Amino acid sequence: MPITRDFLLDISVELLMWVIVLLGAIFIGKAITLKVLEWAKVPAPLRHISTGAESATLLPATDQERQVLRGGLWIGILERIAVAACMMGGHPALISLILGVKGLGRYPELKDNPEASERFLIGTGASILSAIAIGAAGNAALSALMTVIAQ
C-alpha cells in the first residue's frame, strides 16, 4: 500500500491527539488529584492527656512525620497514562485491571494504616476519574477530527 498524503495526515493527527491526551492526563490529572486531596485533608485532632495534677496537650504529627505511601507520584502518573490510553483505545474495561493491580500492590501498606488507606482511596478515585474524563474527551475529539478530515 503506498503511503499517501491523507494517510500521513490521519496518522499525524491521531498521534498528536494521543500525545495531548496523555500529557493532559498526567498534568491536569495531577492537579485535580492534589486539589481533591487538599480539600479532603482533615487536620489531626489535638490530644489532651492528664495524670492527676499534671496535664499536657499533644500536638498532631507534622506532615513529614505521617507515613507516606512511597512512589505515589510515579504510580499516579503511570496510572493516569494507562487509564487515558484505555479510554483513547476504546478499551475502558481494562481500567478494572489497573485498579486491581494497584490495590493488590498497595494492600500490605494499607491494611494497618487507616489514614493512608483513606488518602489512597480518595487519591485513586480522583486520579482515575480525571484520567477517564480526559481520555473520553480525547477519544470524542479524535473521532470528530477524523470525521472532519475524512470529508
C-alpha atoms as a PDB file:
ATOM      1  CA  MET A   1       0.000   0.000   0.000  1.00  0.00           C
ATOM      2  CA  PRO A   2       1.541   3.319  -0.992  1.00  0.00           C
ATOM      3  CA  ILE A   3       1.779   5.986   1.667  1.00  0.00           C
ATOM      4  CA  THR A   4      -0.479   8.855   0.682  1.00  0.00           C
ATOM      5  CA  ARG A   5      -0.728  12.382   1.961  1.00  0.00           C
ATOM      6  CA  ASP A   6      -4.136  11.619   3.504  1.00  0.00           C
ATOM      7  CA  PHE A   7      -2.717   8.612   5.336  1.00  0.00           C
ATOM      8  CA  LEU A   8       0.140  10.708   6.766  1.00  0.00           C
ATOM      9  CA  LEU A   9      -2.317  13.420   7.826  1.00  0.00           C
ATOM     10  CA  ASP A  10      -4.528  10.867   9.583  1.00  0.00           C
ATOM     11  CA  ILE A  11      -1.585   9.314  11.419  1.00  0.00           C
ATOM     12  CA  SER A  12      -0.181  12.728  12.375  1.00  0.00           C
ATOM     13  CA  VAL A  13      -3.498  13.945  13.768  1.00  0.00           C
ATOM     14  CA  GLU A  14      -4.044  10.732  15.707  1.00  0.00           C
ATOM     15  CA  LEU A  15      -0.521  10.719  17.130  1.00  0.00           C
ATOM     16  CA  LEU A  16      -0.752  14.381  18.136  1.00  0.00           C
ATOM     17  CA  MET A  17      -4.097  13.780  19.822  1.00  0.00           C
ATOM     18  CA  TRP A  18      -2.703  10.818  21.774  1.00  0.00           C
ATOM     19  CA  VAL A  19       0.249  12.910  22.977  1.00  0.00           C
ATOM     20  CA  ILE A  20      -2.030  15.783  24.026  1.00  0.00           C
ATOM     21  CA  VAL A  21      -4.407  13.460  25.881  1.00  0.00           C
ATOM     22  CA  LEU A  22      -1.668  11.531  27.692  1.00  0.00           C
ATOM     23  CA  LEU A  23       0.127  14.730  28.734  1.00  0.00           C
ATOM     24  CA  GLY A  24      -3.223  16.175  29.827  1.00  0.00           C
ATOM     25  CA  ALA A  25      -3.917  13.066  31.882  1.00  0.00           C
ATOM     26  CA  ILE A  26      -0.524  13.406  33.560  1.00  0.00           C
ATOM     27  CA  PHE A  27      -0.573  17.119  34.385  1.00  0.00           C
ATOM     28  CA  ILE A  28      -4.263  18.038  34.601  1.00  0.00           C
ATOM     29  CA  GLY A  29      -4.977  14.780  36.417  1.00  0.00           C
ATOM     30  CA  LYS A  30      -2.196  15.502  38.907  1.00  0.00           C
ATOM     31  CA  ALA A  31      -3.550  18.996  39.593  1.00  0.00           C
ATOM     32  CA  ILE A  32      -7.083  17.671  40.093  1.00  0.00           C
ATOM     33  CA  THR A  33      -5.903  14.845  42.350  1.00  0.00           C
ATOM     34  CA  LEU A  34      -3.798  17.155  44.520  1.00  0.00           C
ATOM     35  CA  LYS A  35      -6.684  19.629  44.846  1.00  0.00           C
ATOM     36  CA  VAL A  36      -9.128  16.881  45.848  1.00  0.00           C
ATOM     37  CA  LEU A  37      -6.645  15.528  48.411  1.00  0.00           C
ATOM     38  CA  GLU A  38      -6.187  19.060  49.768  1.00  0.00           C
ATOM     39  CA  TRP A  39      -9.959  19.506  50.121  1.00  0.00           C
ATOM     40  CA  ALA A  40     -10.292  16.119  51.805  1.00  0.00           C
ATOM     41  CA  LYS A  41      -7.499  16.695  54.304  1.00  0.00           C
ATOM     42  CA  VAL A  42      -8.738  16.563  57.863  1.00  0.00           C
ATOM     43  CA  PRO A  43      -6.409  18.021  60.478  1.00  0.00           C
ATOM     44  CA  ALA A  44      -5.383  15.580  63.157  1.00  0.00           C
ATOM     45  CA  PRO A  45      -7.077  16.386  66.463  1.00  0.00           C
ATOM     46  CA  LEU A  46      -5.108  17.572  69.474  1.00  0.00           C
ATOM     47  CA  ARG A  47      -4.949  15.043  72.288  1.00  0.00           C
ATOM     48  CA  HIS A  48      -5.185  16.128  75.885  1.00  0.00           C
ATOM     49  CA  ILE A  49      -3.723  13.805  78.488  1.00  0.00           C
ATOM     50  CA  SER A  50      -3.860  14.203  82.222  1.00  0.00           C
ATOM     51  CA  THR A  51      -2.169  12.340  85.079  1.00  0.00           C
ATOM     52  CA  GLY A  52      -3.868  13.904  88.028  1.00  0.00           C
ATOM     53  CA  ALA A  53      -2.131  17.184  88.886  1.00  0.00           C
ATOM     54  CA  GLU A  54      -0.297  17.493  85.568  1.00  0.00           C
ATOM     55  CA  SER A  55      -1.743  17.651  82.104  1.00  0.00           C
ATOM     56  CA  ALA A  56      -0.414  18.158  78.609  1.00  0.00           C
ATOM     57  CA  THR A  57      -1.713  18.694  75.120  1.00  0.00           C
ATOM     58  CA  LEU A  58      -0.117  16.594  72.416  1.00  0.00           C
ATOM     59  CA  LEU A  59       0.172  18.280  69.057  1.00  0.00           C
ATOM     60  CA  PRO A  60      -0.658  16.302  65.932  1.00  0.00           C
ATOM     61  CA  ALA A  61       2.164  14.849  63.878  1.00  0.00           C
ATOM     62  CA  THR A  62       3.546  17.084  61.167  1.00  0.00           C
ATOM     63  CA  ASP A  63       3.064  16.070  57.544  1.00  0.00           C
ATOM     64  CA  GLN A  64       6.645  14.815  57.416  1.00  0.00           C
ATOM     65  CA  GLU A  65       6.088  12.552  60.419  1.00  0.00           C
ATOM     66  CA  ARG A  66       2.999  10.950  58.923  1.00  0.00           C
ATOM     67  CA  GLN A  67       3.565   7.766  56.992  1.00  0.00           C
ATOM     68  CA  VAL A  68       3.708   8.383  53.264  1.00  0.00           C
ATOM     69  CA  LEU A  69       2.983   5.840  50.560  1.00  0.00           C
ATOM     70  CA  ARG A  70       6.254   5.632  48.684  1.00  0.00           C
ATOM     71  CA  GLY A  71       6.280   6.009  44.921  1.00  0.00           C
ATOM     72  CA  GLY A  72       2.838   7.600  44.840  1.00  0.00           C
ATOM     73  CA  LEU A  73       3.786  10.324  42.352  1.00  0.00           C
ATOM     74  CA  TRP A  74       5.143   7.895  39.758  1.00  0.00           C
ATOM     75  CA  ILE A  75       2.422   5.329  40.351  1.00  0.00           C
ATOM     76  CA  GLY A  76      -0.165   8.073  39.820  1.00  0.00           C
ATOM     77  CA  ILE A  77       1.476   9.218  36.585  1.00  0.00           C
ATOM     78  CA  LEU A  78       1.630   5.675  35.210  1.00  0.00           C
ATOM     79  CA  GLU A  79      -1.931   5.002  36.362  1.00  0.00           C
ATOM     80  CA  ARG A  80      -3.307   8.082  34.588  1.00  0.00           C
ATOM     81  CA  ILE A  81      -1.374   7.272  31.388  1.00  0.00           C
ATOM     82  CA  ALA A  82      -2.727   3.717  31.405  1.00  0.00           C
ATOM     83  CA  VAL A  83      -6.313   4.798  32.121  1.00  0.00           C
ATOM     84  CA  ALA A  84      -6.302   7.549  29.481  1.00  0.00           C
ATOM     85  CA  ALA A  85      -4.789   5.095  26.979  1.00  0.00           C
ATOM     86  CA  CYS A  86      -7.559   2.590  27.760  1.00  0.00           C
ATOM     87  CA  MET A  87     -10.152   5.270  27.071  1.00  0.00           C
ATOM     88  CA  MET A  88      -8.443   6.513  23.904  1.00  0.00           C
ATOM     89  CA  GLY A  89      -8.019   2.967  22.645  1.00  0.00           C
ATOM     90  CA  GLY A  90     -11.654   2.106  23.260  1.00  0.00           C
ATOM     91  CA  HIS A  91     -10.996  -0.483  25.990  1.00  0.00           C
ATOM     92  CA  PRO A  92     -12.387   1.018  29.213  1.00  0.00           C
ATOM     93  CA  ALA A  93     -12.878  -2.439  30.763  1.00  0.00           C
ATOM     94  CA  LEU A  94      -9.102  -2.705  31.174  1.00  0.00           C
ATOM     95  CA  ILE A  95      -9.283   0.035  33.819  1.00  0.00           C
ATOM     96  CA  SER A  96     -10.514  -2.592  36.279  1.00  0.00           C
ATOM     97  CA  LEU A  97      -7.234  -4.469  35.757  1.00  0.00           C
ATOM     98  CA  ILE A  98      -5.247  -1.310  36.529  1.00  0.00           C
ATOM     99  CA  LEU A  99      -7.248  -0.741  39.726  1.00  0.00           C
ATOM    100  CA  GLY A 100      -6.836  -4.368  40.775  1.00  0.00           C
ATOM    101  CA  VAL A 101      -3.069  -4.351  40.314  1.00  0.00           C
ATOM    102  CA  LYS A 102      -2.748  -1.062  42.177  1.00  0.00           C
ATOM    103  CA  GLY A 103      -4.927  -2.229  45.062  1.00  0.00           C
ATOM    104  CA  LEU A 104      -3.113  -5.540  45.453  1.00  0.00           C
ATOM    105  CA  GLY A 105       0.267  -3.846  45.251  1.00  0.00           C
ATOM    106  CA  ARG A 106      -0.620  -1.355  47.984  1.00  0.00           C
ATOM    107  CA  TYR A 107      -2.518  -3.746  50.260  1.00  0.00           C
ATOM    108  CA  PRO A 108       0.394  -4.559  52.618  1.00  0.00           C
ATOM    109  CA  GLU A 109       0.981  -0.841  53.261  1.00  0.00           C
ATOM    110  CA  LEU A 110      -2.699  -0.025  53.689  1.00  0.00           C
ATOM    111  CA  LYS A 111      -4.077  -2.822  55.848  1.00  0.00           C
ATOM    112  CA  ASP A 112      -2.801  -1.369  59.150  1.00  0.00           C
ATOM    113  CA  ASN A 113      -2.850   2.330  58.267  1.00  0.00           C
ATOM    114  CA  PRO A 114      -6.349   3.864  58.130  1.00  0.00           C
ATOM    115  CA  GLU A 115      -5.091   7.386  57.345  1.00  0.00           C
ATOM    116  CA  ALA A 116      -3.040   6.165  54.386  1.00  0.00           C
ATOM    117  CA  SER A 117      -5.941   3.965  53.257  1.00  0.00           C
ATOM    118  CA  GLU A 118      -8.268   6.951  53.183  1.00  0.00           C
ATOM    119  CA  ARG A 119      -5.791   9.074  51.203  1.00  0.00           C
ATOM    120  CA  PHE A 120      -5.211   6.131  48.848  1.00  0.00           C
ATOM    121  CA  LEU A 121      -8.927   5.766  48.112  1.00  0.00           C
ATOM    122  CA  ILE A 122      -9.531   9.484  47.656  1.00  0.00           C
ATOM    123  CA  GLY A 123      -6.399   9.994  45.568  1.00  0.00           C
ATOM    124  CA  THR A 124      -7.014   6.942  43.395  1.00  0.00           C
ATOM    125  CA  GLY A 125     -10.623   7.943  42.821  1.00  0.00           C
ATOM    126  CA  ALA A 126      -9.709  11.479  41.799  1.00  0.00           C
ATOM    127  CA  SER A 127      -6.819  10.289  39.642  1.00  0.00           C
ATOM    128  CA  ILE A 128      -8.811   7.586  37.845  1.00  0.00           C
ATOM    129  CA  LEU A 129     -11.883   9.759  37.283  1.00  0.00           C
ATOM    130  CA  SER A 130      -9.814  12.636  35.899  1.00  0.00           C
ATOM    131  CA  ALA A 131      -7.957  10.289  33.536  1.00  0.00           C
ATOM    132  CA  ILE A 132     -11.252   8.714  32.410  1.00  0.00           C
ATOM    133  CA  ALA A 133     -12.742  12.150  31.683  1.00  0.00           C
ATOM    134  CA  ILE A 134      -9.638  13.346  29.826  1.00  0.00           C
ATOM    135  CA  GLY A 135      -9.356  10.101  27.860  1.00  0.00           C
ATOM    136  CA  ALA A 136     -13.052  10.090  26.940  1.00  0.00           C
ATOM    137  CA  ALA A 137     -12.898  13.739  25.853  1.00  0.00           C
ATOM    138  CA  GLY A 138      -9.794  12.997  23.804  1.00  0.00           C
ATOM    139  CA  ASN A 139     -11.440   9.996  22.168  1.00  0.00           C
ATOM    140  CA  ALA A 140     -14.505  12.067  21.264  1.00  0.00           C
ATOM    141  CA  ALA A 141     -12.337  14.908  19.934  1.00  0.00           C
ATOM    142  CA  LEU A 142     -10.268  12.478  17.869  1.00  0.00           C
ATOM    143  CA  SER A 143     -13.400  10.919  16.369  1.00  0.00           C
ATOM    144  CA  ALA A 144     -14.752  14.359  15.483  1.00  0.00           C
ATOM    145  CA  LEU A 145     -11.427  15.435  13.951  1.00  0.00           C
ATOM    146  CA  MET A 146     -11.137  12.274  11.878  1.00  0.00           C
ATOM    147  CA  THR A 147     -14.701  12.771  10.616  1.00  0.00           C
ATOM    148  CA  VAL A 148     -13.893  16.337   9.564  1.00  0.00           C
ATOM    149  CA  ILE A 149     -10.647  15.273   7.893  1.00  0.00           C
ATOM    150  CA  ALA A 150     -12.403  12.449   6.015  1.00  0.00           C
ATOM    151  CA  GLN A 151     -14.853  14.882   4.377  1.00  0.00           C
END
